[in-house]
Structures are given as C-alpha cells and as structure tokens.
Amino acid sequence: MADKGTADKAKGKAKEAAGKVTGNERLTAEGKIDQAKGEAKKTMSDAKDALQGKHRKG
C-alpha cells in the first residue's frame, strides 16, 4: 500500500508545474494546497503508527 498522502503530493506537484508552465496562478496554488494536504496526511499517518508502536522508514 502506498504511503498516506503520496498521491496528493504527486498530484499537487503536477498541478503546480502545469500552473507555472501555463501561467495559471490558481492551478499553481491548488498544487501547493494538494502538496500540503498530502504532507499532512503523511504526518498524521506517521503519528498514528508511532502511537501504535509501528516504525516506518522515510
């Protein structure tokens, strides 16, 4: 299973890049938001795993 948030981060990077190439500030902002959402999901998943005694690398 993929890490929590990885898909959101990847989608965000793609949106941000597309927004920069096309000069679309809204798309660039949406990309940054998606990346932040992905990072938040990863952090929450890591915290949950730590509380349950699971240790993950990366």
N, C-alpha and C. Protein backbone atom coordinates (compact mmCIF):
# COMPACT_ATOMS: atom_id res chain seq x y z
N MET A 1 0.85 -1.18 0.00
CA MET A 1 0.00 0.00 0.00
C MET A 1 0.89 1.24 0.00
N ALA A 2 0.52 2.17 -0.80
CA ALA A 2 1.30 3.42 -0.89
C ALA A 2 1.16 4.21 0.40
N ASP A 3 2.18 4.98 0.68
CA ASP A 3 2.13 5.82 1.88
C ASP A 3 0.97 6.78 1.80
N LYS A 4 0.39 7.06 2.95
CA LYS A 4 -0.69 8.04 3.00
C LYS A 4 -0.18 9.39 2.54
N GLY A 5 -0.91 10.03 1.67
CA GLY A 5 -0.56 11.37 1.22
C GLY A 5 0.32 11.42 -0.01
N THR A 6 0.91 10.31 -0.40
CA THR A 6 1.81 10.30 -1.55
C THR A 6 1.09 10.71 -2.82
N ALA A 7 -0.12 10.22 -3.01
CA ALA A 7 -0.88 10.56 -4.22
C ALA A 7 -1.20 12.05 -4.25
N ASP A 8 -1.60 12.60 -3.11
CA ASP A 8 -1.92 14.03 -3.05
C ASP A 8 -0.68 14.87 -3.36
N LYS A 9 0.46 14.46 -2.82
CA LYS A 9 1.70 15.21 -3.06
C LYS A 9 2.08 15.16 -4.53
N ALA A 10 1.96 13.99 -5.15
CA ALA A 10 2.31 13.85 -6.57
C ALA A 10 1.34 14.67 -7.44
N LYS A 11 0.06 14.59 -7.12
CA LYS A 11 -0.93 15.36 -7.86
C LYS A 11 -0.67 16.85 -7.72
N GLY A 12 -0.31 17.26 -6.52
CA GLY A 12 -0.01 18.66 -6.27
C GLY A 12 1.18 19.15 -7.05
N LYS A 13 2.23 18.34 -7.11
CA LYS A 13 3.42 18.73 -7.86
C LYS A 13 3.09 18.89 -9.34
N ALA A 14 2.28 17.98 -9.86
CA ALA A 14 1.89 18.06 -11.27
C ALA A 14 1.06 19.31 -11.53
N LYS A 15 0.11 19.59 -10.65
CA LYS A 15 -0.72 20.79 -10.82
C LYS A 15 0.13 22.06 -10.73
N GLU A 16 1.03 22.09 -9.77
CA GLU A 16 1.87 23.27 -9.60
C GLU A 16 2.72 23.50 -10.85
N ALA A 17 3.32 22.43 -11.36
CA ALA A 17 4.15 22.55 -12.56
C ALA A 17 3.33 23.01 -13.76
N ALA A 18 2.14 22.44 -13.92
CA ALA A 18 1.28 22.83 -15.04
C ALA A 18 0.87 24.29 -14.90
N GLY A 19 0.59 24.71 -13.69
CA GLY A 19 0.21 26.10 -13.46
C GLY A 19 1.34 27.06 -13.78
N LYS A 20 2.55 26.68 -13.42
CA LYS A 20 3.70 27.54 -13.72
C LYS A 20 3.94 27.64 -15.22
N VAL A 21 3.83 26.51 -15.91
CA VAL A 21 4.07 26.49 -17.36
C VAL A 21 3.04 27.34 -18.10
N THR A 22 1.78 27.24 -17.67
CA THR A 22 0.71 27.96 -18.36
C THR A 22 0.48 29.36 -17.81
N GLY A 23 1.15 29.69 -16.70
CA GLY A 23 0.94 31.00 -16.10
C GLY A 23 -0.37 31.09 -15.33
N ASN A 24 -0.93 29.95 -14.97
CA ASN A 24 -2.20 29.89 -14.26
C ASN A 24 -1.94 29.88 -12.76
N GLU A 25 -2.09 31.03 -12.12
CA GLU A 25 -1.80 31.16 -10.70
C GLU A 25 -2.72 30.31 -9.83
N ARG A 26 -3.97 30.17 -10.25
CA ARG A 26 -4.92 29.37 -9.47
C ARG A 26 -4.49 27.90 -9.46
N LEU A 27 -4.08 27.38 -10.60
CA LEU A 27 -3.65 25.99 -10.67
C LEU A 27 -2.37 25.78 -9.86
N THR A 28 -1.47 26.75 -9.90
CA THR A 28 -0.26 26.68 -9.10
C THR A 28 -0.61 26.63 -7.61
N ALA A 29 -1.54 27.46 -7.19
CA ALA A 29 -1.97 27.49 -5.79
C ALA A 29 -2.64 26.17 -5.39
N GLU A 30 -3.48 25.63 -6.27
CA GLU A 30 -4.14 24.36 -5.98
C GLU A 30 -3.09 23.25 -5.80
N GLY A 31 -2.06 23.31 -6.62
CA GLY A 31 -0.99 22.32 -6.50
C GLY A 31 -0.30 22.40 -5.16
N LYS A 32 -0.03 23.61 -4.71
CA LYS A 32 0.61 23.79 -3.42
C LYS A 32 -0.29 23.30 -2.28
N ILE A 33 -1.58 23.53 -2.41
CA ILE A 33 -2.54 23.07 -1.40
C ILE A 33 -2.57 21.54 -1.37
N ASP A 34 -2.60 20.91 -2.54
CA ASP A 34 -2.61 19.45 -2.59
C ASP A 34 -1.35 18.86 -1.97
N GLN A 35 -0.21 19.50 -2.20
CA GLN A 35 1.03 19.03 -1.60
C GLN A 35 0.99 19.15 -0.09
N ALA A 36 0.45 20.24 0.40
CA ALA A 36 0.33 20.43 1.85
C ALA A 36 -0.62 19.40 2.45
N LYS A 37 -1.71 19.12 1.74
CA LYS A 37 -2.67 18.12 2.20
C LYS A 37 -2.00 16.75 2.27
N GLY A 38 -1.22 16.43 1.26
CA GLY A 38 -0.51 15.15 1.26
C GLY A 38 0.48 15.05 2.40
N GLU A 39 1.19 16.12 2.66
CA GLU A 39 2.16 16.13 3.77
C GLU A 39 1.44 15.98 5.11
N ALA A 40 0.29 16.62 5.25
CA ALA A 40 -0.49 16.50 6.48
C ALA A 40 -0.98 15.06 6.68
N LYS A 41 -1.43 14.42 5.61
CA LYS A 41 -1.88 13.03 5.72
C LYS A 41 -0.72 12.12 6.13
N LYS A 42 0.44 12.37 5.56
CA LYS A 42 1.62 11.56 5.90
C LYS A 42 1.99 11.75 7.37
N THR A 43 1.97 12.99 7.82
CA THR A 43 2.31 13.28 9.22
C THR A 43 1.32 12.60 10.16
N MET A 44 0.04 12.67 9.84
CA MET A 44 -0.97 12.02 10.69
C MET A 44 -0.78 10.51 10.69
N SER A 45 -0.49 9.94 9.54
CA SER A 45 -0.27 8.50 9.45
C SER A 45 0.95 8.09 10.26
N ASP A 46 2.03 8.88 10.17
CA ASP A 46 3.24 8.59 10.93
C ASP A 46 2.97 8.67 12.43
N ALA A 47 2.20 9.67 12.84
CA ALA A 47 1.88 9.82 14.26
C ALA A 47 1.03 8.64 14.75
N LYS A 48 0.08 8.25 13.94
CA LYS A 48 -0.77 7.11 14.30
C LYS A 48 0.07 5.84 14.42
N ASP A 49 0.97 5.64 13.46
CA ASP A 49 1.84 4.47 13.51
C ASP A 49 2.74 4.50 14.74
N ALA A 50 3.24 5.66 15.09
CA ALA A 50 4.11 5.79 16.26
C ALA A 50 3.34 5.44 17.54
N LEU A 51 2.10 5.88 17.61
CA LEU A 51 1.28 5.58 18.78
C LEU A 51 0.95 4.10 18.88
N GLN A 52 0.85 3.45 17.73
CA GLN A 52 0.54 2.03 17.70
C GLN A 52 1.80 1.17 17.81
N GLY A 53 2.97 1.82 17.86
CA GLY A 53 4.21 1.09 18.02
C GLY A 53 4.82 0.61 16.72
N LYS A 54 4.31 1.09 15.60
CA LYS A 54 4.86 0.71 14.30
C LYS A 54 5.93 1.74 13.92
N HIS A 55 7.00 1.29 13.34
CA HIS A 55 8.06 2.20 12.91
C HIS A 55 8.24 2.07 11.41
N ARG A 56 8.20 3.21 10.72
CA ARG A 56 8.37 3.22 9.27
C ARG A 56 9.61 4.02 8.94
N LYS A 57 10.23 3.66 7.86
CA LYS A 57 11.37 4.43 7.36
C LYS A 57 10.86 5.45 6.38
N GLY A 58 11.54 6.62 6.33
CA GLY A 58 11.22 7.63 5.33
C GLY A 58 10.21 8.54 5.80
